[in-house]
C-alpha cells in the first residue's frame, strides 16, 4: 500500500495537437481544462514561466476544477533565467500574491534553472538566500547543470525542505535524490526531449520507484512533459493504472 498521496498528470494541458488524440475533435478550447480534470487530479502550469497568469484565469482554474485537484506552477523566468535569483523580491511577491488565489489547490512551485547556471559559490549563495523565508511554499528545483549533483547541494535543499526535481531526459543530468517531505518528478521523454514515449516496462520501474519514495514522503508529484503525439497523456494514464493496481 502506497502511504503517500500520488499526483500524476501532464506538464500543460491546452495543446491543440491533442485534438483527436485526447480531446474530442469538436471540443472548444475553452472546455479543454474541464475535460482534462475528468482524467487527472493535477497539472503543471508552464505558462506562468513566460507571463503572470491573470487573476481571472487563476480563479477560473480554481472554481472549475474538482475539490481534490492540485496545481503546480513554474516560477517566472525573470526570477530563474533573467535575474538568476538576484534582487527578485518584486517578481516573487507579484507571483506569490497571484498564485495564493488557488488556496488549498496550490501544490509545489517549480524553479527550473537554465543549463548555464552552475553551482559556483555565488550561485549557491543566491539560491540559499532566495529559499530562506519561503517555508510556507512547497518549492522544487530542477537543476540542469551537472555541477549541482553534489551532496553539499542536497544538504542545502534538505535544510529548506526543498525538493530536488528528479528529471528524466536525454539531455540533462539526473539524480534520484529525496531532499524534502515530498517528491517532484518530471519526465521529458526517454530518448528525444518532449517527443518520445515511455514503454510499459519503464513505467512499471517508475511505479516501483514511487513506492520507495512513498516510504519517506507525504506527497509525490509526477508530470509528463513529452507532449508530442499525446505521449504525455498516454503515459500518465498508464502510470495511474499501474500505481492504482500495484502499489
Protein backbone atom coordinates (compact mmCIF):
# COMPACT_ATOMS: atom_id res chain seq x y z
CA UNK A 1 0.00 0.00 0.00
CA UNK A 2 1.33 3.41 -1.02
CA UNK A 3 1.08 5.68 2.02
CA UNK A 4 1.84 8.89 0.17
CA UNK A 5 -0.68 10.73 -1.96
CA UNK A 6 0.42 10.35 -5.58
CA UNK A 7 -0.50 13.04 -8.10
CA UNK A 8 0.09 12.14 -11.75
CA UNK A 9 -0.59 14.49 -14.66
CA UNK A 10 0.95 16.35 -17.57
CA UNK A 11 3.02 19.48 -17.99
CA UNK A 12 0.39 21.73 -19.53
CA UNK A 13 -2.99 20.72 -20.86
CA UNK A 14 -4.07 23.18 -23.56
CA UNK A 15 -2.34 21.59 -26.53
CA UNK A 16 -4.07 21.97 -29.90
CA UNK A 17 -2.21 18.93 -31.24
CA UNK A 18 -4.00 16.75 -28.66
CA UNK A 19 -7.24 17.29 -30.58
CA UNK A 20 -8.33 13.93 -31.91
CA UNK A 21 -5.72 12.20 -29.74
CA UNK A 22 -7.03 13.12 -26.29
CA UNK A 23 -9.51 15.92 -26.77
CA UNK A 24 -12.56 15.31 -28.99
CA UNK A 25 -12.31 16.96 -32.40
CA UNK A 26 -15.26 19.27 -31.78
CA UNK A 27 -14.33 20.24 -28.21
CA UNK A 28 -13.88 24.04 -27.85
CA UNK A 29 -10.50 25.10 -26.48
CA UNK A 30 -12.28 26.73 -23.53
CA UNK A 31 -13.52 23.28 -22.47
CA UNK A 32 -10.15 21.52 -22.55
CA UNK A 33 -9.36 22.05 -18.88
CA UNK A 34 -12.74 20.75 -17.75
CA UNK A 35 -12.24 17.68 -19.95
CA UNK A 36 -8.71 17.20 -18.60
CA UNK A 37 -9.91 17.15 -14.97
CA UNK A 38 -12.08 14.12 -15.73
CA UNK A 39 -8.89 12.09 -16.11
CA UNK A 40 -6.25 13.72 -13.91
CA UNK A 41 -6.03 15.23 -10.43
CA UNK A 42 -3.18 17.60 -11.18
CA UNK A 43 -1.41 19.61 -13.86
CA UNK A 44 1.81 21.54 -14.07
CA UNK A 45 1.27 25.08 -15.34
CA UNK A 46 4.17 26.09 -17.58
CA UNK A 47 2.67 29.30 -19.00
CA UNK A 48 3.45 31.06 -15.70
CA UNK A 49 7.13 30.81 -16.68
CA UNK A 50 6.51 33.29 -19.52
CA UNK A 51 3.87 35.56 -18.04
CA UNK A 52 1.99 36.05 -14.81
CA UNK A 53 -1.44 34.39 -15.05
CA UNK A 54 -4.30 36.86 -14.88
CA UNK A 55 -6.36 36.88 -11.72
CA UNK A 56 -9.46 35.78 -13.63
CA UNK A 57 -7.53 32.86 -15.09
CA UNK A 58 -6.40 31.68 -11.66
CA UNK A 59 -9.92 31.97 -10.28
CA UNK A 60 -11.34 30.11 -13.27
CA UNK A 61 -8.88 27.27 -12.68
CA UNK A 62 -9.86 27.20 -9.02
CA UNK A 63 -13.62 27.21 -9.43
CA UNK A 64 -13.77 24.93 -12.49
CA UNK A 65 -11.64 22.14 -11.02
CA UNK A 66 -12.69 19.39 -8.61
CA UNK A 67 -12.14 19.82 -4.89
CA UNK A 68 -9.20 17.42 -4.84
CA UNK A 69 -7.39 18.96 -7.81
CA UNK A 70 -3.85 20.34 -7.34
CA UNK A 71 -1.90 22.84 -9.46
CA UNK A 72 1.87 23.03 -9.68
CA UNK A 73 3.19 26.22 -11.25
CA UNK A 74 6.52 27.09 -12.81
CA UNK A 75 8.08 30.23 -11.37
CA UNK A 76 8.64 33.17 -13.76
CA UNK A 77 11.74 33.12 -15.94
CA UNK A 78 12.51 36.65 -14.70
CA UNK A 79 13.47 35.02 -11.40
CA UNK A 80 15.32 31.95 -12.63
CA UNK A 81 16.73 32.94 -16.03
CA UNK A 82 16.89 36.71 -16.40
CA UNK A 83 17.82 37.89 -12.91
CA UNK A 84 19.04 34.47 -11.76
CA UNK A 85 17.79 34.92 -8.19
CA UNK A 86 19.47 38.31 -7.76
CA UNK A 87 17.16 41.03 -6.39
CA UNK A 88 13.97 39.23 -7.36
CA UNK A 89 11.79 40.18 -4.38
CA UNK A 90 9.39 42.22 -6.50
CA UNK A 91 8.93 39.48 -9.09
CA UNK A 92 8.42 36.82 -6.43
CA UNK A 93 5.93 38.92 -4.44
CA UNK A 94 3.79 39.50 -7.53
CA UNK A 95 3.89 35.79 -8.34
CA UNK A 96 3.17 34.80 -4.74
CA UNK A 97 0.18 37.10 -4.40
CA UNK A 98 -1.33 35.78 -7.61
CA UNK A 99 -0.87 32.04 -7.02
CA UNK A 100 -2.21 32.29 -3.48
CA UNK A 101 -5.63 32.67 -5.10
CA UNK A 102 -5.51 28.91 -5.65
CA UNK A 103 -5.74 28.45 -1.88
CA UNK A 104 -5.76 24.75 -0.91
CA UNK A 105 -5.38 23.68 -4.55
CA UNK A 106 -1.89 25.18 -4.77
CA UNK A 107 0.77 22.50 -4.97
CA UNK A 108 4.51 22.88 -5.49
CA UNK A 109 6.21 25.78 -7.22
CA UNK A 110 8.76 24.62 -9.79
CA UNK A 111 12.00 26.55 -10.18
CA UNK A 112 13.57 25.40 -13.44
CA UNK A 113 17.14 26.62 -13.82
CA UNK A 114 18.96 27.26 -17.12
CA UNK A 115 21.70 24.78 -18.15
CA UNK A 116 24.31 27.55 -17.93
CA UNK A 117 23.58 28.17 -14.25
CA UNK A 118 26.44 26.37 -12.48
CA UNK A 119 26.98 25.55 -8.83
CA UNK A 120 29.66 28.12 -8.05
CA UNK A 121 29.88 29.96 -4.73
CA UNK A 122 27.93 32.99 -5.94
CA UNK A 123 25.04 30.98 -7.39
CA UNK A 124 24.82 28.73 -4.33
CA UNK A 125 24.63 31.88 -2.20
CA UNK A 126 21.87 33.31 -4.39
CA UNK A 127 19.84 30.12 -4.21
CA UNK A 128 20.20 29.85 -0.43
CA UNK A 129 19.20 33.47 0.15
CA UNK A 130 16.20 33.09 -2.13
CA UNK A 131 14.98 29.95 -0.36
CA UNK A 132 15.29 31.50 3.09
CA UNK A 133 11.89 32.52 4.44
CA UNK A 134 9.80 30.62 1.91
CA UNK A 135 8.93 27.68 4.14
CA UNK A 136 5.20 28.23 3.55
CA UNK A 137 5.60 27.04 -0.03
CA UNK A 138 6.42 23.65 -1.47
CA UNK A 139 9.40 24.51 -3.67
CA UNK A 140 11.03 22.15 -6.15
CA UNK A 141 14.17 22.95 -8.16
CA UNK A 142 15.12 21.40 -11.49
CA UNK A 143 18.86 21.86 -11.90
CA UNK A 144 20.15 21.45 -15.44
CA UNK A 145 23.90 21.56 -14.91
CA UNK A 146 25.75 18.53 -13.55
CA UNK A 147 27.69 20.63 -11.04
CA UNK A 148 24.59 20.70 -8.81
CA UNK A 149 24.68 16.91 -8.39
CA UNK A 150 26.61 17.19 -5.16
CA UNK A 151 25.99 16.10 -1.58
CA UNK A 152 26.55 19.66 -0.34
CA UNK A 153 23.70 20.88 -2.54
CA UNK A 154 21.42 18.06 -1.39
CA UNK A 155 22.04 19.06 2.23
CA UNK A 156 21.20 22.69 1.50
CA UNK A 157 17.91 21.67 -0.08
CA UNK A 158 17.12 19.40 2.86
CA UNK A 159 17.68 22.27 5.28
CA UNK A 160 14.94 24.24 3.49
CA UNK A 161 12.69 21.22 2.76
CA UNK A 162 13.02 21.95 -0.95
CA UNK A 163 12.62 19.07 -3.41
CA UNK A 164 15.35 18.14 -5.86
CA UNK A 165 13.43 17.55 -9.09
CA UNK A 166 14.00 14.03 -10.37
CA UNK A 167 14.02 14.91 -14.06
CA UNK A 168 14.29 12.27 -16.74
CA UNK A 169 15.62 13.33 -20.14
CA UNK A 170 18.30 12.55 -22.68
CA UNK A 171 19.83 15.99 -22.28
CA UNK A 172 20.19 16.92 -18.61
CA UNK A 173 21.69 15.25 -15.50
CA UNK A 174 19.53 13.00 -13.38
CA UNK A 175 19.80 12.14 -9.70
CA UNK A 176 17.23 10.12 -7.78
CA UNK A 177 17.56 12.07 -4.55
CA UNK A 178 14.93 12.95 -1.95
CA UNK A 179 15.57 16.25 -0.18
CA UNK A 180 12.08 17.17 1.09
CA UNK A 181 8.96 15.59 2.56
CA UNK A 182 7.53 15.41 -0.96
CA UNK A 183 8.86 14.18 -4.30
CA UNK A 184 8.69 16.00 -7.63
CA UNK A 185 9.28 14.04 -10.84
CA UNK A 186 9.39 15.44 -14.40
CA UNK A 187 9.54 13.17 -17.42
CA UNK A 188 10.67 14.84 -20.64
CA UNK A 189 10.92 11.70 -22.76
CA UNK A 190 13.28 8.70 -22.62
CA UNK A 191 15.04 9.35 -25.94
CA UNK A 192 14.00 12.63 -27.56
CA UNK A 193 13.07 15.63 -25.44
CA UNK A 194 9.29 16.13 -25.47
CA UNK A 195 8.77 13.70 -28.36
CA UNK A 196 9.43 10.14 -27.21
CA UNK A 197 7.17 7.71 -25.41
CA UNK A 198 7.88 5.68 -22.27
CA UNK A 199 7.40 1.92 -22.53
CA UNK A 200 5.22 -0.03 -20.10
CA UNK A 201 8.37 -1.56 -18.60
CA UNK A 202 9.81 1.89 -17.94
CA UNK A 203 6.57 2.97 -16.32
CA UNK A 204 6.47 -0.16 -14.12
CA UNK A 205 10.00 0.67 -13.00
CA UNK A 206 8.90 4.21 -12.23
CA UNK A 207 5.96 2.88 -10.21
CA UNK A 208 8.38 0.83 -8.12
CA UNK A 209 10.48 3.94 -7.52
CA UNK A 210 7.35 5.82 -6.46
CA UNK A 211 6.67 3.03 -3.98
CA UNK A 212 10.11 3.57 -2.47
CA UNK A 213 9.73 7.35 -2.37
CA UNK A 214 6.38 6.95 -0.61
CA UNK A 215 8.16 5.45 2.39
CA UNK A 216 9.74 8.82 3.21
CA UNK A 217 7.43 11.36 1.51
CA UNK A 218 3.87 12.55 2.10
CA UNK A 219 3.12 13.55 -1.49
CA UNK A 220 4.57 12.56 -4.84
CA UNK A 221 4.02 14.71 -7.91
CA UNK A 222 4.67 13.24 -11.35
CA UNK A 223 4.40 15.24 -14.58
CA UNK A 224 4.92 14.01 -18.12
CA UNK A 225 6.35 16.68 -20.41
CA UNK A 226 6.53 14.57 -23.60
CA UNK A 227 3.50 16.23 -25.18
CA UNK A 228 4.28 15.24 -28.81
CA UNK A 229 1.59 12.90 -30.23
CA UNK A 230 -0.13 12.93 -26.86
CA UNK A 231 2.55 10.69 -25.36
CA UNK A 232 2.25 12.57 -22.06
CA UNK A 233 -1.43 11.73 -21.73
CA UNK A 234 -0.91 8.10 -22.69
CA UNK A 235 1.99 7.66 -20.28
CA UNK A 236 0.23 9.46 -17.43
CA UNK A 237 -2.92 7.36 -17.80
CA UNK A 238 -0.87 4.16 -17.91
CA UNK A 239 1.14 5.11 -14.84
CA UNK A 240 -2.04 5.95 -12.91
CA UNK A 241 -3.40 2.47 -13.66
CA UNK A 242 -0.13 0.81 -12.66
CA UNK A 243 0.12 2.75 -9.40
CA UNK A 244 -3.52 2.10 -8.51
CA UNK A 245 -3.26 -1.61 -9.22
CA UNK A 246 0.18 -2.49 -7.93
CA UNK A 247 1.13 -0.11 -5.13
